[in-house]
Amino acid sequence: MTSYHATLLEAIAADVRERLVREPVTDAAADPEVRIAALVDEEAGALTPADRAELRRLVTERTFGLGPLEVLLADREVDEIMVNGVGPGSVWVERGGRVEPAAGVCFASDDELRHAIERVLAPLGRRVDEAEPMADCRLSDGSRVNVVLPPLAVDGPVVTIRRFRPRGLGPDDLIALRTWTPEVHDLLMRAVRARLSILVSGGTGSGKTTTLGALAAFVPPEERVVTIEDTAELRLAREHVVRLEARPPNLEGRGEVTIRRLVRNALRMRPDRIVVGEVRGPEALDMLGAMSTGHDGSLATVHAGSPEEALRRVETLALMADVGLPHAAIREQVATAVDLVVHQARTRDGERRVTAVVEVTPVAGGAGTREVYTADHDGDGPGRLTVPRGGALAEALAR
């Protein structure tokens, strides 16, 4: 299709969309697809059947869907979609861990992009405007959407969509993807079944949630698992699982349900394990309390650049609970609540790898770490696996 041909079809599609707005149908039961087809035939009856079919697709996508992004949402190879304003070169995608421009895909105008944003948010009772220029939500298929509007986004509206996978990657899948080695798989499987509490750390997009779901797959099927997430992403292939999702405030600023509140409530739901999708606030204190008081074997993720940094970050987040506990008491609680930290990173070739596993041990003044596994420098080899003697992990593996 030539650029002229594509431009012509876009222009006709815009005319059809204007007529849909300008000529409302009084019959509430009218089929939108039938009406679109009729208007396309009126506007472009001289075009070929293939062109008219393309016009119907364009109008439907831009009226009821996410416009030019629909083709990307239909592509199973796309993991993330990033819209940086409007015009050519403004849409990027992540495929196989690599970020690249989405050739030929863009929003033609600011209005078209804003209308697409409204179509996402309106059914969820959410909105973005100058007073509230940021929003997080979830599409009907489970994909996560983040929106930032001007003036915060200097060059125009920014939309980021993290695709939802209908089936989570299991432990064996992560071996095939080289996220972890067979030795690490066996180590973590035995650690989960021995009810060690595990923290998965890493940067944005390093695959923490995927690894968290794989770890949860090791939990014995008879145990009751409660998952708590800001935006529900985990899909655990098990029968006895309860999924809780935080709720933002409504348009009047009411009705918010925080992760912290959900963690507290989960303790009353008779969980065998609590799985927190991401610890990012004062709920860290409640999570530590749960791990220390009968809910050992729980799992969580946290943003951090190393296992040691992950422990410090959990300490800092727990202090945000503002309950008057001294820092020393928080440090001690971290040391006794967390047994292992699994650190994950994205390599230069775009793959996501477990690069370190450390055992957490109480030391004077807080939590110390002992190396269990360290990947080799380029992530291609088996890494170095050493189980320290005389710790919870050695005990668990000896059973």
Protein backbone atom coordinates (compact mmCIF):
# COMPACT_ATOMS: atom_id res chain seq x y z
CA MET A 1 0.00 0.00 0.00
CA THR A 2 1.46 3.37 -1.04
CA SER A 3 1.65 6.29 1.38
CA TYR A 4 -0.93 8.11 -0.77
CA HIS A 5 -3.27 5.11 -0.64
CA ALA A 6 -2.90 4.85 3.15
CA THR A 7 -3.49 8.60 3.56
CA LEU A 8 -6.64 8.39 1.42
CA LEU A 9 -8.05 5.55 3.51
CA GLU A 10 -7.24 7.43 6.72
CA ALA A 11 -9.04 10.53 5.40
CA ILE A 12 -12.14 8.55 4.46
CA ALA A 13 -12.09 6.79 7.84
CA ALA A 14 -12.00 10.18 9.57
CA ASP A 15 -15.04 11.30 7.54
CA VAL A 16 -16.96 8.16 8.51
CA ARG A 17 -16.12 8.68 12.18
CA GLU A 18 -17.34 12.28 11.99
CA ARG A 19 -20.65 11.07 10.56
CA LEU A 20 -21.00 8.54 13.38
CA VAL A 21 -20.83 11.44 15.83
CA ARG A 22 -22.80 13.92 13.75
CA GLU A 23 -25.64 11.54 12.82
CA PRO A 24 -26.58 9.69 16.03
CA VAL A 25 -28.84 6.65 15.65
CA THR A 26 -32.11 6.80 17.56
CA ASP A 27 -32.50 3.03 17.67
CA ALA A 28 -30.47 1.94 20.73
CA ALA A 29 -30.35 -1.62 19.41
CA ALA A 30 -28.66 -0.67 16.12
CA ASP A 31 -25.58 -2.79 15.45
CA PRO A 32 -22.53 -0.46 15.30
CA GLU A 33 -20.74 -2.75 12.84
CA VAL A 34 -23.71 -2.74 10.47
CA ARG A 35 -23.90 1.06 10.61
CA ILE A 36 -20.17 1.44 10.03
CA ALA A 37 -20.38 -0.86 7.02
CA ALA A 38 -23.27 1.17 5.59
CA LEU A 39 -21.45 4.48 6.04
CA VAL A 40 -18.26 3.08 4.49
CA ASP A 41 -20.27 1.93 1.46
CA GLU A 42 -21.79 5.40 1.15
CA GLU A 43 -18.46 7.22 1.48
CA ALA A 44 -16.29 4.83 -0.52
CA GLY A 45 -18.56 2.68 -2.65
CA ALA A 46 -16.19 3.01 -5.62
CA LEU A 47 -13.27 1.42 -3.77
CA THR A 48 -12.42 -2.27 -3.95
CA PRO A 49 -13.95 -4.72 -1.42
CA ALA A 50 -10.50 -5.08 0.18
CA ASP A 51 -10.19 -1.32 0.66
CA ARG A 52 -13.68 -1.09 2.12
CA ALA A 53 -12.86 -3.91 4.55
CA GLU A 54 -9.72 -2.02 5.59
CA LEU A 55 -11.82 1.13 6.09
CA ARG A 56 -14.28 -0.75 8.30
CA ARG A 57 -11.36 -2.01 10.39
CA LEU A 58 -9.86 1.48 10.74
CA VAL A 59 -13.17 3.05 11.77
CA THR A 60 -13.98 0.29 14.26
CA GLU A 61 -10.54 0.43 15.88
CA ARG A 62 -10.62 4.22 16.19
CA THR A 63 -14.22 4.31 17.43
CA PHE A 64 -14.34 1.43 19.87
CA GLY A 65 -10.79 0.20 20.35
CA LEU A 66 -7.34 1.70 20.81
CA GLY A 67 -6.96 2.83 17.22
CA PRO A 68 -3.57 2.11 15.68
CA LEU A 69 -2.50 0.17 18.78
CA GLU A 70 -4.99 -2.63 18.04
CA VAL A 71 -2.59 -4.26 15.59
CA LEU A 72 0.10 -4.31 18.30
CA LEU A 73 -2.28 -5.68 20.92
CA ALA A 74 -3.06 -8.54 18.51
CA ASP A 75 0.65 -9.36 18.14
CA ARG A 76 1.56 -12.05 20.71
CA GLU A 77 5.25 -11.26 20.35
CA VAL A 78 4.80 -7.74 21.79
CA ASP A 79 5.40 -7.56 25.54
CA GLU A 80 5.14 -3.80 26.02
CA ILE A 81 3.77 -0.85 24.03
CA MET A 82 5.08 2.67 24.63
CA VAL A 83 3.38 5.74 23.11
CA ASN A 84 5.43 8.94 23.37
CA GLY A 85 3.02 11.52 21.99
CA VAL A 86 1.82 11.64 18.39
CA GLY A 87 3.27 11.47 14.90
CA PRO A 88 5.68 9.09 13.13
CA GLY A 89 8.25 7.40 15.36
CA SER A 90 6.26 8.00 18.55
CA VAL A 91 5.23 4.38 19.21
CA TRP A 92 7.76 1.82 20.47
CA VAL A 93 7.40 -1.83 21.42
CA GLU A 94 9.35 -4.44 23.31
CA ARG A 95 9.76 -7.83 21.63
CA GLY A 96 11.94 -10.53 23.11
CA GLY A 97 13.52 -8.11 25.56
CA ARG A 98 14.49 -5.58 22.86
CA VAL A 99 12.86 -2.17 22.42
CA GLU A 100 12.28 -1.04 18.85
CA PRO A 101 10.11 1.45 16.91
CA ALA A 102 6.70 0.19 15.81
CA ALA A 103 7.02 0.84 12.10
CA GLY A 104 4.01 2.52 10.53
CA VAL A 105 2.08 2.75 13.81
CA CYS A 106 1.27 6.14 15.33
CA PHE A 107 -1.55 8.44 16.36
CA ALA A 108 -2.22 11.15 13.80
CA SER A 109 -3.27 13.80 16.32
CA ASP A 110 -3.37 14.65 19.99
CA ASP A 111 -7.17 14.39 19.90
CA GLU A 112 -7.05 10.86 18.49
CA LEU A 113 -4.66 9.76 21.24
CA ARG A 114 -6.73 11.42 23.98
CA HIS A 115 -9.90 9.75 22.68
CA ALA A 116 -8.16 6.38 22.85
CA ILE A 117 -7.13 7.12 26.45
CA GLU A 118 -10.72 8.03 27.32
CA ARG A 119 -11.98 4.76 25.82
CA VAL A 120 -9.64 2.89 28.16
CA LEU A 121 -10.46 4.83 31.32
CA ALA A 122 -14.17 5.63 31.01
CA PRO A 123 -15.50 2.06 31.51
CA LEU A 124 -13.34 1.81 34.64
CA GLY A 125 -14.68 5.02 36.17
CA ARG A 126 -11.28 6.66 35.83
CA ARG A 127 -10.18 9.87 34.18
CA VAL A 128 -7.10 11.96 33.57
CA ASP A 129 -7.00 15.71 33.17
CA GLU A 130 -4.85 18.66 34.18
CA ALA A 131 -5.93 18.28 37.80
CA GLU A 132 -5.08 14.54 37.86
CA PRO A 133 -2.67 13.97 34.97
CA MET A 134 -1.62 10.40 35.82
CA ALA A 135 -3.55 7.13 35.96
CA ASP A 136 -2.96 3.38 36.29
CA CYS A 137 -5.53 0.85 35.18
CA ARG A 138 -6.03 -2.58 33.66
CA LEU A 139 -7.55 -3.58 30.32
CA SER A 140 -10.19 -6.30 30.12
CA ASP A 141 -7.52 -8.81 29.04
CA GLY A 142 -5.42 -8.02 32.13
CA SER A 143 -2.84 -5.76 30.45
CA ARG A 144 -1.58 -2.88 32.59
CA VAL A 145 -1.94 0.69 31.34
CA ASN A 146 -0.18 3.80 32.63
CA VAL A 147 -1.11 7.26 31.35
CA VAL A 148 0.66 10.59 31.88
CA LEU A 149 -0.71 13.82 30.40
CA PRO A 150 0.75 17.30 29.92
CA PRO A 151 1.94 19.36 31.68
CA LEU A 152 3.76 16.46 33.37
CA ALA A 153 4.46 14.85 29.99
CA VAL A 154 6.18 17.72 28.21
CA ASP A 155 5.89 16.45 24.61
CA GLY A 156 2.32 15.16 24.68
CA PRO A 157 0.34 12.31 26.26
CA VAL A 158 2.39 9.22 27.16
CA VAL A 159 0.82 5.77 27.34
CA THR A 160 2.59 2.59 28.46
CA ILE A 161 0.89 -0.79 28.12
CA ARG A 162 2.41 -3.89 29.65
CA ARG A 163 0.88 -6.87 27.91
CA PHE A 164 -0.81 -9.61 29.88
CA ARG A 165 0.13 -13.21 29.19
CA PRO A 166 -2.93 -15.49 29.48
CA ARG A 167 -0.70 -18.21 30.89
CA GLY A 168 2.06 -17.40 33.33
CA LEU A 169 5.51 -18.82 32.67
CA GLY A 170 6.16 -21.84 34.85
CA PRO A 171 9.43 -23.01 36.44
CA ASP A 172 10.36 -25.18 33.46
CA ASP A 173 9.67 -22.30 31.08
CA LEU A 174 12.20 -20.20 32.96
CA ILE A 175 14.84 -22.88 32.48
CA ALA A 176 14.11 -22.88 28.74
CA LEU A 177 14.39 -19.08 28.68
CA ARG A 178 17.62 -19.24 30.70
CA THR A 179 16.12 -17.06 33.42
CA TRP A 180 17.48 -19.55 35.91
CA THR A 181 19.58 -22.66 35.69
CA PRO A 182 18.34 -26.18 36.55
CA GLU A 183 20.45 -25.96 39.74
CA VAL A 184 18.79 -22.70 40.80
CA HIS A 185 15.38 -24.17 39.92
CA ASP A 186 16.02 -27.14 42.24
CA LEU A 187 17.41 -24.91 45.00
CA LEU A 188 14.42 -22.55 44.99
CA MET A 189 11.88 -25.35 44.66
CA ARG A 190 13.20 -26.97 47.83
CA ALA A 191 13.40 -23.61 49.59
CA VAL A 192 9.75 -22.79 48.82
CA ARG A 193 8.56 -26.22 49.89
CA ALA A 194 10.56 -25.85 53.12
CA ARG A 195 8.58 -22.61 53.77
CA LEU A 196 11.48 -20.19 53.52
CA SER A 197 10.31 -16.60 52.98
CA ILE A 198 11.71 -15.23 49.73
CA LEU A 199 12.10 -11.70 48.40
CA VAL A 200 12.58 -11.26 44.63
CA SER A 201 14.48 -8.08 43.79
CA GLY A 202 15.41 -6.35 40.56
CA GLY A 203 14.90 -3.30 38.39
CA THR A 204 11.91 -2.30 36.31
CA GLY A 205 11.19 -4.85 33.59
CA SER A 206 13.65 -7.40 34.95
CA GLY A 207 10.97 -10.10 35.21
CA LYS A 208 10.38 -10.08 38.98
CA THR A 209 6.66 -10.82 38.71
CA THR A 210 7.25 -13.71 36.32
CA THR A 211 9.79 -15.24 38.69
CA LEU A 212 7.45 -14.65 41.63
CA GLY A 213 4.72 -16.60 39.83
CA ALA A 214 7.14 -19.44 39.08
CA LEU A 215 8.18 -19.60 42.74
CA ALA A 216 4.53 -19.71 43.79
CA ALA A 217 4.10 -22.74 41.52
CA PHE A 218 6.32 -24.67 43.94
CA VAL A 219 3.85 -24.19 46.81
CA PRO A 220 2.14 -27.54 47.58
CA PRO A 221 -1.34 -27.70 45.99
CA GLU A 222 -3.16 -28.28 49.29
CA GLU A 223 -2.03 -24.91 50.70
CA ARG A 224 -4.19 -21.78 50.56
CA VAL A 225 -2.42 -18.90 48.79
CA VAL A 226 -3.55 -15.26 48.96
CA THR A 227 -2.04 -12.95 46.34
CA ILE A 228 -2.03 -9.17 46.81
CA GLU A 229 -1.19 -6.82 43.95
CA ASP A 230 -1.50 -3.20 43.00
CA THR A 231 -2.63 -4.32 39.54
CA ALA A 232 -3.47 -8.02 39.24
CA GLU A 233 -0.89 -9.74 37.02
CA LEU A 234 -0.19 -13.08 38.67
CA ARG A 235 -1.95 -16.10 37.20
CA LEU A 236 -1.21 -19.08 39.40
CA ALA A 237 -2.09 -22.48 37.95
CA ARG A 238 -3.58 -23.85 41.16
CA GLU A 239 -7.05 -24.44 42.56
CA HIS A 240 -6.83 -22.86 46.00
CA VAL A 241 -5.79 -19.27 45.40
CA VAL A 242 -7.44 -15.99 46.43
CA ARG A 243 -6.51 -12.92 44.37
CA LEU A 244 -6.78 -9.45 45.90
CA GLU A 245 -6.19 -6.20 44.02
CA ALA A 246 -5.76 -2.71 45.43
CA ARG A 247 -8.25 -0.03 44.40
CA PRO A 248 -7.43 3.62 43.66
CA PRO A 249 -9.71 6.42 44.84
CA ASN A 250 -12.76 7.18 42.71
CA LEU A 251 -13.45 10.47 40.95
CA GLU A 252 -14.45 12.03 44.28
CA GLY A 253 -11.24 10.87 45.93
CA ARG A 254 -12.95 8.18 47.99
CA GLY A 255 -12.98 4.40 48.17
CA GLU A 256 -9.23 3.77 48.02
CA VAL A 257 -8.06 0.36 49.25
CA THR A 258 -4.30 0.19 49.71
CA ILE A 259 -1.91 -2.74 49.52
CA ARG A 260 -1.28 -2.30 53.24
CA ARG A 261 -4.95 -2.68 54.04
CA LEU A 262 -5.15 -5.80 51.88
CA VAL A 263 -2.12 -7.35 53.60
CA ARG A 264 -3.72 -6.77 56.99
CA ASN A 265 -7.01 -8.22 55.79
CA ALA A 266 -5.27 -11.24 54.24
CA LEU A 267 -4.12 -12.27 57.72
CA ARG A 268 -7.78 -12.84 58.59
CA MET A 269 -8.38 -15.06 55.56
CA ARG A 270 -6.55 -18.13 56.90
CA PRO A 271 -3.72 -18.04 54.37
CA ASP A 272 -0.95 -20.63 54.30
CA ARG A 273 1.13 -18.29 52.14
CA ILE A 274 0.85 -14.60 51.32
CA VAL A 275 2.24 -13.43 47.98
CA VAL A 276 2.70 -9.67 47.58
CA GLY A 277 3.18 -8.64 43.96
CA GLU A 278 5.33 -5.65 44.83
CA VAL A 279 6.26 -4.05 48.14
CA ARG A 280 6.49 -0.30 47.59
CA GLY A 281 5.18 1.37 50.75
CA PRO A 282 4.34 0.96 54.44
CA GLU A 283 2.82 -2.47 53.77
CA ALA A 284 6.42 -3.69 54.08
CA LEU A 285 6.01 -3.63 57.86
CA ASP A 286 2.84 -5.73 57.76
CA MET A 287 4.48 -8.16 55.35
CA LEU A 288 7.46 -8.57 57.67
CA GLY A 289 5.10 -9.12 60.57
CA ALA A 290 3.23 -11.82 58.65
CA MET A 291 6.47 -13.59 57.73
CA SER A 292 7.57 -13.51 61.36
CA THR A 293 4.32 -14.66 62.94
CA GLY A 294 3.22 -17.93 61.41
CA HIS A 295 3.05 -17.08 57.71
CA ASP A 296 6.57 -18.17 56.85
CA GLY A 297 7.08 -19.22 53.27
CA SER A 298 5.54 -16.01 51.96
CA LEU A 299 6.82 -14.35 48.78
CA ALA A 300 7.17 -10.78 47.56
CA THR A 301 9.05 -8.55 45.12
CA VAL A 302 10.78 -5.21 45.58
CA HIS A 303 12.56 -2.77 43.28
CA ALA A 304 16.30 -2.78 44.03
CA GLY A 305 19.66 -2.92 42.29
CA SER A 306 21.14 -5.73 44.42
CA PRO A 307 20.10 -8.17 47.17
CA GLU A 308 21.70 -5.98 49.84
CA GLU A 309 19.94 -2.91 48.50
CA ALA A 310 16.66 -4.86 48.55
CA LEU A 311 16.98 -5.46 52.30
CA ARG A 312 17.79 -1.79 52.94
CA ARG A 313 14.82 -0.74 50.83
CA VAL A 314 12.44 -3.00 52.76
CA GLU A 315 13.75 -1.41 55.97
CA THR A 316 13.09 2.07 54.59
CA LEU A 317 9.61 1.17 53.39
CA ALA A 318 8.73 -0.39 56.75
CA LEU A 319 9.73 2.84 58.48
CA MET A 320 7.12 4.62 56.33
CA ALA A 321 4.44 2.84 58.38
CA ASP A 322 5.18 5.46 61.06
CA VAL A 323 4.31 3.27 64.05
CA GLY A 324 7.13 4.52 66.24
CA LEU A 325 9.37 1.46 65.99
CA PRO A 326 13.08 2.30 66.17
CA HIS A 327 15.18 1.63 63.09
CA ALA A 328 17.12 -1.05 64.97
CA ALA A 329 13.91 -3.00 65.62
CA ILE A 330 12.99 -2.84 61.92
CA ARG A 331 16.45 -4.12 60.96
CA GLU A 332 16.08 -7.06 63.33
CA GLN A 333 12.66 -7.85 61.93
CA VAL A 334 14.00 -7.88 58.37
CA ALA A 335 16.81 -10.22 59.44
CA THR A 336 14.41 -12.70 61.03
CA ALA A 337 11.54 -12.47 58.51
CA VAL A 338 13.34 -12.80 55.16
CA ASP A 339 15.28 -16.01 54.46
CA LEU A 340 16.39 -15.59 50.83
CA VAL A 341 16.73 -12.77 48.31
CA VAL A 342 16.60 -13.76 44.63
CA HIS A 343 17.97 -10.97 42.45
CA GLN A 344 17.03 -10.66 38.81
CA ALA A 345 18.37 -8.39 36.06
CA ARG A 346 18.06 -7.82 32.35
CA THR A 347 21.23 -8.63 30.43
CA ARG A 348 22.67 -6.64 27.55
CA ASP A 349 21.02 -8.98 25.04
CA GLY A 350 17.58 -8.27 26.55
CA GLU A 351 17.17 -11.57 28.39
CA ARG A 352 16.03 -11.67 32.00
CA ARG A 353 18.25 -13.68 34.34
CA VAL A 354 18.49 -14.57 38.01
CA THR A 355 21.96 -13.18 38.72
CA ALA A 356 22.24 -13.81 42.46
CA VAL A 357 20.66 -15.66 45.36
CA VAL A 358 21.68 -14.76 48.91
CA GLU A 359 20.73 -16.14 52.30
CA VAL A 360 19.76 -13.56 54.90
CA THR A 361 21.29 -14.03 58.34
CA PRO A 362 20.87 -12.03 61.55
CA VAL A 363 24.03 -10.12 62.46
CA ALA A 364 24.81 -7.40 64.98
CA GLY A 365 22.89 -4.34 63.87
CA GLY A 366 20.60 -5.97 61.32
CA ALA A 367 20.58 -8.35 58.39
CA GLY A 368 23.67 -9.86 56.82
CA THR A 369 23.88 -11.88 53.62
CA ARG A 370 25.69 -15.03 52.55
CA GLU A 371 26.18 -15.79 48.88
CA VAL A 372 24.35 -18.85 47.59
CA TYR A 373 24.40 -18.34 43.84
CA THR A 374 26.17 -15.88 41.54
CA ALA A 375 25.80 -15.92 37.76
CA ASP A 376 28.92 -15.67 35.64
CA HIS A 377 29.82 -12.27 34.20
CA ASP A 378 27.91 -12.64 30.91
CA GLY A 379 25.07 -14.82 32.18
CA ASP A 380 25.76 -17.59 29.67
CA GLY A 381 27.39 -20.11 32.00
CA PRO A 382 25.96 -22.10 34.91
CA GLY A 383 27.18 -19.61 37.53
CA ARG A 384 28.51 -20.51 40.94
CA LEU A 385 26.26 -22.29 43.43
CA THR A 386 27.37 -22.77 47.04
CA VAL A 387 25.04 -23.51 49.94
CA PRO A 388 26.47 -22.04 53.19
CA ARG A 389 26.59 -24.37 56.15
CA GLY A 390 24.58 -23.89 59.28
CA GLY A 391 21.65 -21.81 58.08
CA ALA A 392 17.95 -22.09 57.32
CA LEU A 393 18.69 -22.96 53.71
CA ALA A 394 21.13 -25.76 54.54
CA GLU A 395 18.57 -27.10 57.01
CA ALA A 396 15.83 -27.00 54.38
CA LEU A 397 17.93 -28.75 51.76
CA ALA A 398 18.94 -31.46 54.21
CA ARG A 399 15.34 -32.53 54.76
